[in-house]
Amino acid sequence: MHPDRGVDAVPVVFALDGRRIVVPVDTVKPKRTVELARVANVRRDPRCVLLADRYSDDWTQLWWVRVHAEARVAENPGPWLAALAGRYPQYATSGAVASVLLLTPTALRGWIAADSDPR
């Protein structure tokens, strides 16, 4: 949390595990520490938002979904490694994921171009 601008939006990868969204804190990509600002922010305030979208040059294929959620830090990523490795093979390596953020959705909002009236 920055006193002058609040919480930063950051890009993340994720996998689904039932109704939960699993966001890894990995050791694969270079970083100074696995105690990331997003982890500290979740420890301080579990409310969060995940925005996912699909872009296409064919604008009839555009969509987005915004998930408001309550998050918690799971220090043992073991139960969620299969879901993560299923989407991202890099996470199948032992030690590739240090912890995970588990997001439990509380509200959804979205839009899809195919449902829009172009007039």
C-alpha atoms as a PDB file:
ATOM      1  CA  MET A   1       0.000   0.000   0.000  1.00  0.00           C
ATOM      2  CA  HIS A   2       1.373   3.368  -1.012  1.00  0.00           C
ATOM      3  CA  PRO A   3       0.273   6.340   1.108  1.00  0.00           C
ATOM      4  CA  ASP A   4      -0.031   8.611  -1.934  1.00  0.00           C
ATOM      5  CA  ARG A   5      -1.698   6.240  -4.444  1.00  0.00           C
ATOM      6  CA  GLY A   6      -3.162   3.285  -2.547  1.00  0.00           C
ATOM      7  CA  VAL A   7      -2.889  -0.293  -3.795  1.00  0.00           C
ATOM      8  CA  ASP A   8      -1.348  -0.985  -7.198  1.00  0.00           C
ATOM      9  CA  ALA A   9      -3.005  -3.191  -9.795  1.00  0.00           C
ATOM     10  CA  VAL A  10      -0.622  -5.956 -10.842  1.00  0.00           C
ATOM     11  CA  PRO A  11      -0.829  -8.598 -13.579  1.00  0.00           C
ATOM     12  CA  VAL A  12      -1.068 -12.159 -12.280  1.00  0.00           C
ATOM     13  CA  VAL A  13      -1.582 -15.673 -13.562  1.00  0.00           C
ATOM     14  CA  PHE A  14      -4.207 -17.853 -11.923  1.00  0.00           C
ATOM     15  CA  ALA A  15      -5.923 -21.218 -11.959  1.00  0.00           C
ATOM     16  CA  LEU A  16      -9.362 -22.277 -10.813  1.00  0.00           C
ATOM     17  CA  ASP A  17      -9.948 -24.782  -8.019  1.00  0.00           C
ATOM     18  CA  GLY A  18     -13.662 -25.276  -7.672  1.00  0.00           C
ATOM     19  CA  ARG A  19     -15.085 -21.889  -6.699  1.00  0.00           C
ATOM     20  CA  ARG A  20     -11.699 -20.532  -5.604  1.00  0.00           C
ATOM     21  CA  ILE A  21      -9.138 -18.702  -7.700  1.00  0.00           C
ATOM     22  CA  VAL A  22      -5.519 -19.640  -7.024  1.00  0.00           C
ATOM     23  CA  VAL A  23      -2.827 -17.001  -7.620  1.00  0.00           C
ATOM     24  CA  PRO A  24       0.743 -18.300  -7.222  1.00  0.00           C
ATOM     25  CA  VAL A  25       3.659 -16.542  -5.602  1.00  0.00           C
ATOM     26  CA  ASP A  26       6.383 -18.251  -7.567  1.00  0.00           C
ATOM     27  CA  THR A  27      10.147 -18.562  -7.622  1.00  0.00           C
ATOM     28  CA  VAL A  28      10.254 -19.056 -11.411  1.00  0.00           C
ATOM     29  CA  LYS A  29      10.238 -15.400 -12.470  1.00  0.00           C
ATOM     30  CA  PRO A  30      12.999 -13.169 -11.054  1.00  0.00           C
ATOM     31  CA  LYS A  31      12.079 -11.172  -7.948  1.00  0.00           C
ATOM     32  CA  ARG A  32      13.879  -9.925  -4.842  1.00  0.00           C
ATOM     33  CA  THR A  33      11.608 -11.744  -2.375  1.00  0.00           C
ATOM     34  CA  VAL A  34       8.479 -13.902  -2.276  1.00  0.00           C
ATOM     35  CA  GLU A  35       7.008 -11.564   0.360  1.00  0.00           C
ATOM     36  CA  LEU A  36       5.455  -9.467  -2.385  1.00  0.00           C
ATOM     37  CA  ALA A  37       3.448  -6.300  -1.811  1.00  0.00           C
ATOM     38  CA  ARG A  38       0.307  -8.158  -2.896  1.00  0.00           C
ATOM     39  CA  VAL A  39       0.900 -10.717  -0.119  1.00  0.00           C
ATOM     40  CA  ALA A  40       1.383  -7.967   2.470  1.00  0.00           C
ATOM     41  CA  ASN A  41      -1.740  -6.196   1.176  1.00  0.00           C
ATOM     42  CA  VAL A  42      -3.849  -9.371   1.534  1.00  0.00           C
ATOM     43  CA  ARG A  43      -2.549  -9.909   5.057  1.00  0.00           C
ATOM     44  CA  ARG A  44      -3.577  -6.315   5.903  1.00  0.00           C
ATOM     45  CA  ASP A  45      -6.917  -6.318   4.043  1.00  0.00           C
ATOM     46  CA  PRO A  46      -8.308  -9.483   2.417  1.00  0.00           C
ATOM     47  CA  ARG A  47     -10.566  -7.627  -0.024  1.00  0.00           C
ATOM     48  CA  CYS A  48      -9.289  -7.774  -3.592  1.00  0.00           C
ATOM     49  CA  VAL A  49     -10.339  -7.597  -7.231  1.00  0.00           C
ATOM     50  CA  LEU A  50      -9.230  -9.759 -10.164  1.00  0.00           C
ATOM     51  CA  LEU A  51      -9.859  -8.503 -13.692  1.00  0.00           C
ATOM     52  CA  ALA A  52      -9.591 -10.939 -16.601  1.00  0.00           C
ATOM     53  CA  ASP A  53     -10.200 -10.096 -20.229  1.00  0.00           C
ATOM     54  CA  ARG A  54      -9.860 -11.411 -23.758  1.00  0.00           C
ATOM     55  CA  TYR A  55      -8.725  -9.201 -26.568  1.00  0.00           C
ATOM     56  CA  SER A  56      -9.180 -10.080 -30.226  1.00  0.00           C
ATOM     57  CA  ASP A  57      -8.845  -8.138 -33.449  1.00  0.00           C
ATOM     58  CA  ASP A  58     -12.364  -9.472 -34.047  1.00  0.00           C
ATOM     59  CA  TRP A  59     -14.182  -7.215 -31.602  1.00  0.00           C
ATOM     60  CA  THR A  60     -17.199  -9.519 -31.509  1.00  0.00           C
ATOM     61  CA  GLN A  61     -14.966 -11.843 -29.455  1.00  0.00           C
ATOM     62  CA  LEU A  62     -14.102  -9.333 -26.703  1.00  0.00           C
ATOM     63  CA  TRP A  63     -15.048  -9.999 -23.085  1.00  0.00           C
ATOM     64  CA  TRP A  64     -14.080  -9.112 -19.540  1.00  0.00           C
ATOM     65  CA  VAL A  65     -14.974 -10.275 -16.045  1.00  0.00           C
ATOM     66  CA  ARG A  66     -14.259  -8.546 -12.736  1.00  0.00           C
ATOM     67  CA  VAL A  67     -14.200 -10.725  -9.628  1.00  0.00           C
ATOM     68  CA  HIS A  68     -14.450  -9.115  -6.203  1.00  0.00           C
ATOM     69  CA  ALA A  69     -13.096 -11.550  -3.637  1.00  0.00           C
ATOM     70  CA  GLU A  70     -11.831 -12.216  -0.144  1.00  0.00           C
ATOM     71  CA  ALA A  71      -8.261 -13.511  -0.227  1.00  0.00           C
ATOM     72  CA  ARG A  72      -6.025 -15.377   2.145  1.00  0.00           C
ATOM     73  CA  VAL A  73      -2.399 -16.454   1.965  1.00  0.00           C
ATOM     74  CA  ALA A  74      -1.721 -20.207   1.948  1.00  0.00           C
ATOM     75  CA  GLU A  75       1.921 -20.782   2.862  1.00  0.00           C
ATOM     76  CA  ASN A  76       1.726 -24.432   1.773  1.00  0.00           C
ATOM     77  CA  PRO A  77       0.926 -24.394  -1.967  1.00  0.00           C
ATOM     78  CA  GLY A  78       0.820 -28.218  -2.208  1.00  0.00           C
ATOM     79  CA  PRO A  79      -2.945 -28.696  -2.499  1.00  0.00           C
ATOM     80  CA  TRP A  80      -3.126 -26.265  -5.430  1.00  0.00           C
ATOM     81  CA  LEU A  81      -0.022 -27.214  -7.422  1.00  0.00           C
ATOM     82  CA  ALA A  82      -1.897 -29.568  -9.779  1.00  0.00           C
ATOM     83  CA  ALA A  83      -4.361 -26.832 -10.764  1.00  0.00           C
ATOM     84  CA  LEU A  84      -1.516 -24.378 -11.354  1.00  0.00           C
ATOM     85  CA  ALA A  85       0.716 -26.838 -13.224  1.00  0.00           C
ATOM     86  CA  GLY A  86      -2.264 -27.833 -15.372  1.00  0.00           C
ATOM     87  CA  ARG A  87      -2.323 -24.291 -16.790  1.00  0.00           C
ATOM     88  CA  TYR A  88       1.356 -23.409 -16.438  1.00  0.00           C
ATOM     89  CA  PRO A  89       3.813 -26.315 -16.828  1.00  0.00           C
ATOM     90  CA  GLN A  90       6.575 -24.167 -15.263  1.00  0.00           C
ATOM     91  CA  TYR A  91       4.894 -24.684 -11.903  1.00  0.00           C
ATOM     92  CA  ALA A  92       5.275 -28.483 -12.024  1.00  0.00           C
ATOM     93  CA  THR A  93       8.895 -28.161 -10.873  1.00  0.00           C
ATOM     94  CA  SER A  94       9.443 -28.724  -7.162  1.00  0.00           C
ATOM     95  CA  GLY A  95       9.859 -25.412  -5.330  1.00  0.00           C
ATOM     96  CA  ALA A  96       8.483 -23.326  -8.213  1.00  0.00           C
ATOM     97  CA  VAL A  97       5.598 -22.009  -6.072  1.00  0.00           C
ATOM     98  CA  ALA A  98       6.404 -20.556  -2.652  1.00  0.00           C
ATOM     99  CA  SER A  99       2.826 -19.806  -1.569  1.00  0.00           C
ATOM    100  CA  VAL A 100      -0.552 -19.011  -3.073  1.00  0.00           C
ATOM    101  CA  LEU A 101      -3.251 -16.447  -2.660  1.00  0.00           C
ATOM    102  CA  LEU A 102      -6.663 -18.106  -2.449  1.00  0.00           C
ATOM    103  CA  LEU A 103      -9.458 -15.858  -3.657  1.00  0.00           C
ATOM    104  CA  THR A 104     -13.044 -16.662  -2.748  1.00  0.00           C
ATOM    105  CA  PRO A 105     -15.367 -14.633  -5.004  1.00  0.00           C
ATOM    106  CA  THR A 106     -17.939 -12.403  -3.339  1.00  0.00           C
ATOM    107  CA  ALA A 107     -19.273 -10.648  -6.469  1.00  0.00           C
ATOM    108  CA  LEU A 108     -18.919 -10.928 -10.253  1.00  0.00           C
ATOM    109  CA  ARG A 109     -19.443  -8.406 -13.013  1.00  0.00           C
ATOM    110  CA  GLY A 110     -18.722  -8.896 -16.689  1.00  0.00           C
ATOM    111  CA  TRP A 111     -19.394  -8.037 -20.286  1.00  0.00           C
ATOM    112  CA  ILE A 112     -19.202  -9.931 -23.555  1.00  0.00           C
ATOM    113  CA  ALA A 113     -19.332  -8.351 -27.008  1.00  0.00           C
ATOM    114  CA  ALA A 114     -21.412 -11.176 -28.447  1.00  0.00           C
ATOM    115  CA  ASP A 115     -24.279 -10.132 -26.144  1.00  0.00           C
ATOM    116  CA  SER A 116     -24.103  -6.475 -27.156  1.00  0.00           C
ATOM    117  CA  ASP A 117     -26.472  -4.805 -29.586  1.00  0.00           C
ATOM    118  CA  PRO A 118     -24.233  -2.952 -32.072  1.00  0.00           C
ATOM    119  CA  ARG A 119     -26.926  -0.308 -32.739  1.00  0.00           C
END
